[in-house]
Amino acid sequence: MAGEGDRFDYIEQLWRDAVAAGVEPLLSFPQRRWKEYISNFSCAFEAQQPTDLLNGITRQKPRVNRNITYQGFLALEALVKERPPCEHEIQNAKMHFFEAVDEDPFKDVSEFTFVENDEQLAEMIEDITEKRKSSAVAIDVEHHSQASYRGFTCLIQVCTATHIYIIDSLNVFEKLFILNKITADASIVKVLHNGDNDITWLQRDFNVYIINAFDTGKAAKFLHIEGGTSLKNVLALEFNEHKEEWYKTCDWSNRPLTRGMLQYAVNDIRKTNWQVHAYEKEVKAMLCKPFTFPKYKDLEKILRAPQLRRPTGKKRALAEAVLAWRDIRSRSIDCSRTFLISPHELPRAINQAYHAKTGAPIARCMNNKIGEDKLREFAAEIDDLVIYYAQ
């Protein structure tokens, strides 16, 4: 039975065991092919200079926080705010907005190359920096955040004035820091559209930083474009072109890519190379945006749910423990909390579990995609947790 003084003892023991065991993604997850998994038990972000990585300095591994309580870890994780190490270069880069380039940003580019191994990646870098000497490239990123606790980059689209490159980042994940040869080169303007997330994803996954960029979404905002700053709206207004939205939310970690997904990736980047004058200060502020971990906001929402009616005492302790369990186990198998158990189902399940004194109602909410072994293992843990907190 859990009293006020020991209400977190069960969770703290679970936390210590989970940290010791480390991250082990499910067998069906694409990140299983990587040599090193994302460290979900580290609240340290190791920012490194792009030039150091390009000169052969090994990427630093995030330090795992082993001697800290679960609540202490969450508090530290919320404080992480790491500014880019190349902030000086970002602030001092000359943003020429294509005045002196021969390339036509409006040119309709359709030829593309699918980059899926180290050799093709090296050839792409050479094409852009040496052979074509591109002075502007458009960049877009497709991201997956369900079957991964913090998410990962699945696809990177790079478009020059004459060619499109679709990079399968799942196959060259450990080598993509080499993109700094393009992104950290201030002589090449990187064109993005509402690139706030793209910036942080590239930093997090590959230590790739962008120096000198033009964000068409920021320009649209500055110019008060009618209908909003989405790429769909801007393309409709500027090019009278309809942007397919269905693939925007599809699972980009699936392989092989379907013909429709590949065509979407090509089309998504194809028209991003367009010319608009906008505010340099806002773009540079975006590039210097500090890396932070997403804030954990489920607790108060769930406690306010009608099914729980602002619980107190043992029921509140159980609700907090269930959410802590979901967070820890999501880190363990490297999936999002929503993927493991949807927050919409939890309030009713917690209420039923509390009154029935069994974890079965909560266990039934788990995603079957985690597999039978994990379903059984986690169901037993939830049952123990409910008995511990609800008796």
Protein backbone atom coordinates (compact mmCIF):
# COMPACT_ATOMS: atom_id res chain seq x y z
CA MET A 1 0.00 0.00 0.00
CA ALA A 2 1.37 3.43 -0.92
CA GLY A 3 1.28 6.28 1.57
CA GLU A 4 2.12 9.94 0.97
CA GLY A 5 5.75 9.40 1.97
CA ASP A 6 6.48 6.45 -0.31
CA ARG A 7 4.13 7.15 -3.23
CA PHE A 8 7.02 7.33 -5.72
CA ASP A 9 9.02 4.37 -4.38
CA TYR A 10 7.62 1.96 -6.97
CA ILE A 11 8.20 4.40 -9.83
CA GLU A 12 11.71 5.28 -8.65
CA GLN A 13 12.67 1.60 -8.59
CA LEU A 14 11.20 1.14 -12.06
CA TRP A 15 13.19 4.19 -13.20
CA ARG A 16 16.48 2.86 -11.81
CA ASP A 17 15.91 -0.52 -13.48
CA ALA A 18 14.98 1.10 -16.80
CA VAL A 19 18.05 3.36 -16.80
CA ALA A 20 20.29 0.39 -16.04
CA ALA A 21 18.74 -1.67 -18.86
CA GLY A 22 18.99 1.17 -21.39
CA VAL A 23 17.02 1.76 -24.57
CA GLU A 24 15.95 -1.28 -26.59
CA PRO A 25 13.69 -0.36 -29.55
CA LEU A 26 11.12 -2.91 -30.65
CA LEU A 27 12.28 -5.37 -33.30
CA SER A 28 9.86 -3.87 -35.83
CA PHE A 29 11.25 -0.34 -35.45
CA PRO A 30 13.62 0.97 -38.18
CA GLN A 31 16.09 2.36 -35.62
CA ARG A 32 17.08 -1.23 -34.76
CA ARG A 33 19.47 -1.08 -37.72
CA TRP A 34 21.56 1.68 -36.08
CA LYS A 35 24.77 0.90 -34.22
CA GLU A 36 23.79 3.20 -31.35
CA TYR A 37 20.27 3.97 -30.18
CA ILE A 38 18.92 7.37 -29.17
CA SER A 39 19.58 7.91 -25.46
CA ASN A 40 16.17 8.62 -23.92
CA PHE A 41 17.68 8.46 -20.43
CA SER A 42 19.99 11.40 -21.01
CA CYS A 43 18.96 15.00 -20.52
CA ALA A 44 22.25 16.27 -21.94
CA PHE A 45 22.44 17.50 -25.53
CA GLU A 46 26.00 17.50 -26.88
CA ALA A 47 26.17 20.38 -29.35
CA GLN A 48 29.32 20.29 -31.50
CA GLN A 49 30.79 22.62 -34.08
CA PRO A 50 29.98 21.42 -37.64
CA THR A 51 33.62 22.05 -38.64
CA ASP A 52 34.84 19.72 -35.86
CA LEU A 53 32.67 16.88 -37.14
CA LEU A 54 33.76 17.45 -40.72
CA ASN A 55 37.41 17.36 -39.60
CA GLY A 56 37.03 13.88 -38.15
CA ILE A 57 36.21 14.61 -34.51
CA THR A 58 33.85 11.88 -33.26
CA ARG A 59 30.33 12.83 -32.29
CA GLN A 60 30.04 12.94 -28.51
CA LYS A 61 27.61 10.53 -26.91
CA PRO A 62 25.02 12.06 -24.55
CA ARG A 63 25.78 11.25 -20.93
CA VAL A 64 23.24 8.95 -19.25
CA ASN A 65 22.07 10.30 -15.90
CA ARG A 66 22.29 7.21 -13.67
CA ASN A 67 22.40 8.77 -10.20
CA ILE A 68 19.31 10.91 -10.28
CA THR A 69 15.69 10.33 -9.34
CA TYR A 70 12.94 10.22 -11.94
CA GLN A 71 11.45 13.50 -10.74
CA GLY A 72 14.90 15.08 -10.67
CA PHE A 73 15.55 13.91 -14.23
CA LEU A 74 12.30 15.45 -15.48
CA ALA A 75 13.21 18.74 -13.81
CA LEU A 76 16.66 18.76 -15.44
CA GLU A 77 15.28 17.73 -18.83
CA ALA A 78 12.93 20.73 -18.74
CA LEU A 79 15.89 23.07 -18.19
CA VAL A 80 17.92 21.99 -21.23
CA LYS A 81 18.45 24.95 -23.54
CA GLU A 82 21.45 24.49 -25.81
CA ARG A 83 22.27 27.28 -28.24
CA PRO A 84 23.99 26.36 -31.54
CA PRO A 85 27.81 26.40 -31.22
CA CYS A 86 27.99 28.19 -34.59
CA GLU A 87 25.76 31.10 -33.50
CA HIS A 88 28.46 33.66 -34.35
CA GLU A 89 28.68 32.40 -37.93
CA ILE A 90 24.88 32.44 -38.23
CA GLN A 91 24.58 36.02 -37.04
CA ASN A 92 27.40 37.27 -39.28
CA ALA A 93 26.49 35.42 -42.48
CA LYS A 94 25.66 37.72 -45.39
CA MET A 95 22.15 36.95 -46.62
CA HIS A 96 22.16 37.95 -50.28
CA PHE A 97 18.75 36.49 -51.22
CA PHE A 98 19.82 35.38 -54.68
CA GLU A 99 20.74 38.86 -56.04
CA ALA A 100 23.98 37.60 -57.57
CA VAL A 101 23.04 34.06 -58.57
CA ASP A 102 22.48 32.76 -62.07
CA GLU A 103 20.05 30.09 -60.92
CA ASP A 104 16.35 30.63 -61.46
CA PRO A 105 14.58 29.75 -58.18
CA PHE A 106 11.28 29.47 -60.07
CA LYS A 107 12.58 26.83 -62.46
CA ASP A 108 10.40 23.71 -62.42
CA VAL A 109 12.84 20.98 -61.34
CA SER A 110 11.65 17.38 -61.68
CA GLU A 111 14.81 15.25 -62.15
CA PHE A 112 15.75 13.55 -58.88
CA THR A 113 18.23 11.09 -57.37
CA PHE A 114 17.40 8.72 -54.51
CA VAL A 115 20.32 8.72 -52.06
CA GLU A 116 20.44 5.56 -49.91
CA ASN A 117 24.10 4.70 -49.27
CA ASP A 118 27.38 6.35 -48.27
CA GLU A 119 28.74 6.53 -51.82
CA GLN A 120 25.63 8.25 -53.18
CA LEU A 121 25.68 10.67 -50.24
CA ALA A 122 29.30 11.61 -50.98
CA GLU A 123 28.46 12.05 -54.68
CA MET A 124 25.55 14.34 -53.79
CA ILE A 125 27.78 16.51 -51.57
CA GLU A 126 30.37 16.74 -54.36
CA ASP A 127 27.70 17.57 -56.96
CA ILE A 128 26.32 20.46 -54.91
CA THR A 129 29.56 21.91 -53.54
CA GLU A 130 32.06 21.22 -56.34
CA LYS A 131 30.50 20.30 -59.68
CA ARG A 132 27.36 22.45 -59.70
CA LYS A 133 28.68 25.00 -57.18
CA SER A 134 25.13 25.71 -56.09
CA SER A 135 24.64 29.05 -54.36
CA ALA A 136 21.15 28.15 -53.14
CA VAL A 137 19.49 24.87 -52.12
CA ALA A 138 16.05 24.14 -50.72
CA ILE A 139 15.81 21.72 -47.79
CA ASP A 140 12.83 19.85 -46.33
CA VAL A 141 12.58 17.06 -43.76
CA GLU A 142 10.08 14.24 -43.19
CA HIS A 143 9.92 13.15 -39.54
CA HIS A 144 8.50 10.20 -37.57
CA SER A 145 7.51 10.53 -33.91
CA GLN A 146 5.23 7.60 -33.06
CA ALA A 147 7.51 4.54 -33.01
CA SER A 148 10.23 6.57 -31.27
CA TYR A 149 10.24 8.37 -27.93
CA ARG A 150 11.83 11.58 -29.23
CA GLY A 151 11.29 11.00 -32.94
CA PHE A 152 13.77 10.76 -35.79
CA THR A 153 14.36 12.07 -39.30
CA CYS A 154 13.18 9.62 -41.98
CA LEU A 155 13.79 11.54 -45.20
CA ILE A 156 15.66 14.68 -46.25
CA GLN A 157 14.88 16.45 -49.52
CA VAL A 158 17.51 18.74 -51.05
CA CYS A 159 16.76 20.75 -54.19
CA THR A 160 19.17 22.81 -56.29
CA ALA A 161 18.26 24.91 -59.32
CA THR A 162 18.61 21.85 -61.56
CA HIS A 163 18.25 18.70 -59.48
CA ILE A 164 16.44 17.10 -56.53
CA TYR A 165 18.02 14.68 -54.06
CA ILE A 166 15.86 12.47 -51.83
CA ILE A 167 18.00 11.16 -48.95
CA ASP A 168 16.86 8.00 -47.16
CA SER A 169 18.26 9.01 -43.78
CA LEU A 170 17.36 5.64 -42.23
CA ASN A 171 20.10 4.00 -44.32
CA VAL A 172 22.84 6.63 -43.79
CA PHE A 173 21.86 7.89 -40.32
CA GLU A 174 25.38 7.81 -38.81
CA LYS A 175 26.97 9.60 -41.79
CA LEU A 176 24.62 12.53 -42.27
CA PHE A 177 26.77 14.97 -40.29
CA ILE A 178 28.53 15.39 -43.65
CA LEU A 179 25.57 17.55 -44.72
CA ASN A 180 27.34 20.34 -42.81
CA LYS A 181 29.48 20.75 -45.95
CA ILE A 182 26.34 22.27 -47.46
CA THR A 183 24.34 23.53 -44.50
CA ALA A 184 27.23 25.20 -42.63
CA ASP A 185 28.63 26.81 -45.80
CA ALA A 186 27.58 30.46 -45.54
CA SER A 187 28.09 30.95 -49.29
CA ILE A 188 25.13 28.64 -50.00
CA VAL A 189 21.68 29.99 -49.13
CA LYS A 190 19.46 27.30 -47.63
CA VAL A 191 15.79 27.81 -48.51
CA LEU A 192 13.25 26.46 -45.98
CA HIS A 193 9.54 26.86 -45.41
CA ASN A 194 8.55 27.25 -41.75
CA GLY A 195 11.74 25.39 -40.95
CA ASP A 196 11.67 25.68 -37.14
CA ASN A 197 11.20 21.94 -36.61
CA ASP A 198 13.49 20.96 -39.49
CA ILE A 199 16.28 22.99 -37.85
CA THR A 200 16.00 21.24 -34.48
CA TRP A 201 15.56 17.76 -35.98
CA LEU A 202 18.72 18.10 -38.07
CA GLN A 203 20.60 19.34 -34.99
CA ARG A 204 19.33 16.54 -32.76
CA ASP A 205 19.83 13.60 -35.12
CA PHE A 206 23.00 14.55 -36.99
CA ASN A 207 24.57 17.65 -35.39
CA VAL A 208 23.78 19.39 -38.67
CA TYR A 209 23.54 23.18 -38.41
CA ILE A 210 22.31 25.67 -40.97
CA ILE A 211 24.22 28.90 -41.56
CA ASN A 212 22.64 31.44 -43.93
CA ALA A 213 19.06 30.63 -44.80
CA PHE A 214 15.94 32.10 -46.30
CA ASP A 215 12.64 30.90 -44.85
CA THR A 216 9.73 31.43 -47.22
CA GLY A 217 7.25 30.83 -44.40
CA LYS A 218 8.80 33.68 -42.37
CA ALA A 219 8.68 35.88 -45.47
CA ALA A 220 5.00 35.04 -45.99
CA LYS A 221 4.34 35.95 -42.36
CA PHE A 222 6.20 39.26 -42.70
CA LEU A 223 4.30 40.09 -45.88
CA HIS A 224 0.95 39.18 -44.25
CA ILE A 225 0.12 36.69 -47.02
CA GLU A 226 -3.64 36.21 -47.20
CA GLY A 227 -4.75 32.80 -45.96
CA GLY A 228 -1.77 32.05 -43.73
CA THR A 229 1.83 30.94 -44.07
CA SER A 230 1.40 27.22 -44.81
CA LEU A 231 3.26 25.91 -47.85
CA LYS A 232 -0.08 24.72 -49.24
CA ASN A 233 -1.48 28.26 -49.12
CA VAL A 234 1.65 29.96 -50.45
CA LEU A 235 1.95 27.54 -53.39
CA ALA A 236 -1.72 28.09 -54.25
CA LEU A 237 -1.30 31.88 -54.22
CA GLU A 238 2.10 32.14 -55.90
CA PHE A 239 2.01 29.21 -58.33
CA ASN A 240 -1.67 28.24 -58.51
CA GLU A 241 -0.50 24.75 -57.54
CA HIS A 242 -2.40 22.34 -55.29
CA LYS A 243 -0.30 20.66 -52.59
CA GLU A 244 -1.23 17.07 -51.74
CA GLU A 245 -1.82 16.91 -47.97
CA TRP A 246 -2.61 13.22 -47.44
CA TYR A 247 1.03 12.13 -47.27
CA LYS A 248 1.90 14.88 -44.80
CA THR A 249 0.87 12.67 -41.87
CA CYS A 250 1.75 9.24 -43.24
CA ASP A 251 4.37 7.00 -41.59
CA TRP A 252 7.62 8.08 -43.24
CA SER A 253 9.56 5.34 -41.44
CA ASN A 254 7.92 2.67 -43.63
CA ARG A 255 10.16 1.07 -46.25
CA PRO A 256 10.11 0.69 -49.15
CA LEU A 257 8.63 4.10 -49.90
CA THR A 258 5.56 3.90 -52.09
CA ARG A 259 5.51 5.66 -55.44
CA GLY A 260 3.03 8.15 -53.98
CA MET A 261 5.28 8.92 -50.98
CA LEU A 262 8.29 9.42 -53.22
CA GLN A 263 6.34 11.69 -55.56
CA TYR A 264 5.09 13.69 -52.58
CA ALA A 265 8.66 14.11 -51.31
CA VAL A 266 9.76 15.37 -54.72
CA ASN A 267 6.82 17.74 -55.12
CA ASP A 268 7.14 19.01 -51.55
CA ILE A 269 10.63 20.36 -52.20
CA ARG A 270 10.22 21.19 -55.90
CA LYS A 271 8.58 24.59 -55.47
CA THR A 272 10.30 25.68 -52.28
CA ASN A 273 13.10 27.38 -54.26
CA TRP A 274 11.24 30.67 -54.76
CA GLN A 275 12.32 34.27 -54.36
CA VAL A 276 10.78 36.59 -51.78
CA HIS A 277 12.33 39.48 -49.81
CA ALA A 278 11.78 39.07 -46.07
CA TYR A 279 13.13 39.89 -42.70
CA GLU A 280 16.69 38.70 -42.09
CA LYS A 281 16.45 39.08 -38.32
CA GLU A 282 13.58 36.60 -37.95
CA VAL A 283 15.31 33.94 -40.04
CA LYS A 284 18.56 34.22 -38.08
CA ALA A 285 16.63 34.06 -34.81
CA MET A 286 15.14 30.77 -36.03
CA LEU A 287 18.58 29.37 -36.91
CA CYS A 288 19.85 30.28 -33.44
CA LYS A 289 16.85 28.69 -31.75
CA PRO A 290 18.11 26.75 -28.72
CA PHE A 291 17.54 23.00 -28.61
CA THR A 292 15.02 22.00 -25.93
CA PHE A 293 13.32 18.73 -25.08
CA PRO A 294 9.51 18.69 -25.53
CA LYS A 295 7.60 19.55 -22.38
CA TYR A 296 5.53 16.83 -20.68
CA LYS A 297 1.99 18.23 -20.48
CA ASP A 298 -0.27 15.17 -20.17
CA LEU A 299 -0.61 15.10 -16.37
CA GLU A 300 -2.78 18.16 -15.76
CA LYS A 301 -4.94 17.46 -18.83
CA ILE A 302 -5.69 13.95 -17.66
CA LEU A 303 -6.32 14.99 -14.06
CA ARG A 304 -8.89 17.52 -15.31
CA ALA A 305 -10.73 14.89 -17.40
CA PRO A 306 -14.41 14.37 -16.44
CA GLN A 307 -13.81 10.66 -15.81
CA LEU A 308 -11.37 11.47 -12.99
CA ARG A 309 -12.87 14.75 -11.71
CA ARG A 310 -9.66 16.16 -10.20
CA PRO A 311 -8.76 13.09 -8.12
CA THR A 312 -7.19 13.30 -4.67
CA GLY A 313 -5.42 10.86 -2.39
CA LYS A 314 -4.86 7.34 -3.71
CA LYS A 315 -6.62 7.92 -7.02
CA ARG A 316 -4.40 10.92 -7.82
CA ALA A 317 -1.31 8.96 -6.76
CA LEU A 318 -2.37 6.15 -9.11
CA ALA A 319 -2.97 8.56 -12.01
CA GLU A 320 0.47 10.15 -11.52
CA ALA A 321 2.12 6.73 -11.27
CA VAL A 322 0.45 5.41 -14.43
CA LEU A 323 1.61 8.45 -16.40
CA ALA A 324 5.13 8.08 -14.98
CA TRP A 325 5.12 4.37 -15.91
CA ARG A 326 3.99 5.22 -19.46
CA ASP A 327 6.77 7.80 -19.79
CA ILE A 328 9.51 5.47 -18.52
CA ARG A 329 8.45 2.52 -20.66
CA SER A 330 8.12 4.74 -23.74
CA ARG A 331 11.74 5.76 -23.20
CA SER A 332 12.74 2.09 -22.77
CA ILE A 333 11.33 0.88 -26.09
CA ASP A 334 11.90 4.22 -27.88
CA CYS A 335 8.34 5.11 -28.80
CA SER A 336 6.18 8.13 -28.12
CA ARG A 337 3.94 8.06 -25.06
CA THR A 338 0.95 8.43 -27.38
CA PHE A 339 2.07 5.38 -29.37
CA LEU A 340 2.23 3.24 -26.22
CA ILE A 341 -1.09 4.42 -24.74
CA SER A 342 -3.29 7.19 -26.10
CA PRO A 343 -3.93 9.90 -23.47
CA HIS A 344 -7.58 10.03 -24.54
CA GLU A 345 -8.17 6.51 -23.22
CA LEU A 346 -6.32 6.89 -19.93
CA PRO A 347 -8.73 8.82 -17.65
CA ARG A 348 -11.54 6.27 -17.96
CA ALA A 349 -9.10 3.35 -17.72
CA ILE A 350 -7.43 4.76 -14.59
CA ASN A 351 -10.80 5.30 -12.94
CA GLN A 352 -11.89 1.73 -13.74
CA ALA A 353 -8.56 0.29 -12.58
CA TYR A 354 -8.76 2.19 -9.30
CA HIS A 355 -12.21 0.84 -8.44
CA ALA A 356 -11.57 -2.70 -9.72
CA LYS A 357 -8.09 -2.85 -8.09
CA THR A 358 -6.63 -4.40 -11.25
CA GLY A 359 -4.46 -3.06 -14.04
CA ALA A 360 -6.48 -4.79 -16.78
CA PRO A 361 -8.44 -1.67 -17.91
CA ILE A 362 -5.17 0.22 -18.44
CA ALA A 363 -3.38 -2.73 -20.06
CA ARG A 364 -6.19 -3.01 -22.62
CA CYS A 365 -5.33 0.51 -23.81
CA MET A 366 -1.80 -0.45 -24.87
CA ASN A 367 -0.93 -0.43 -28.55
CA ASN A 368 -0.92 -4.00 -29.91
CA LYS A 369 1.96 -3.05 -32.21
CA ILE A 370 4.42 -3.35 -29.32
CA GLY A 371 4.08 -7.14 -29.62
CA GLU A 372 2.75 -9.95 -27.42
CA ASP A 373 5.87 -10.24 -25.25
CA LYS A 374 5.85 -6.57 -24.29
CA LEU A 375 2.08 -6.58 -23.85
CA ARG A 376 2.38 -9.39 -21.28
CA GLU A 377 5.41 -7.86 -19.56
CA PHE A 378 3.89 -4.40 -19.31
CA ALA A 379 0.46 -5.72 -18.28
CA ALA A 380 2.09 -7.43 -15.29
CA GLU A 381 3.89 -4.22 -14.35
CA ILE A 382 0.66 -2.20 -14.58
CA ASP A 383 -1.13 -4.75 -12.41
CA ASP A 384 1.59 -4.50 -9.75
CA LEU A 385 1.46 -0.72 -9.97
CA VAL A 386 -2.31 -0.57 -9.46
CA ILE A 387 -2.13 -2.93 -6.49
CA TYR A 388 0.68 -0.83 -4.99
CA TYR A 389 -1.09 2.52 -5.35
CA ALA A 390 -4.80 1.71 -5.16
CA GLN A 391 -5.00 -0.72 -2.22
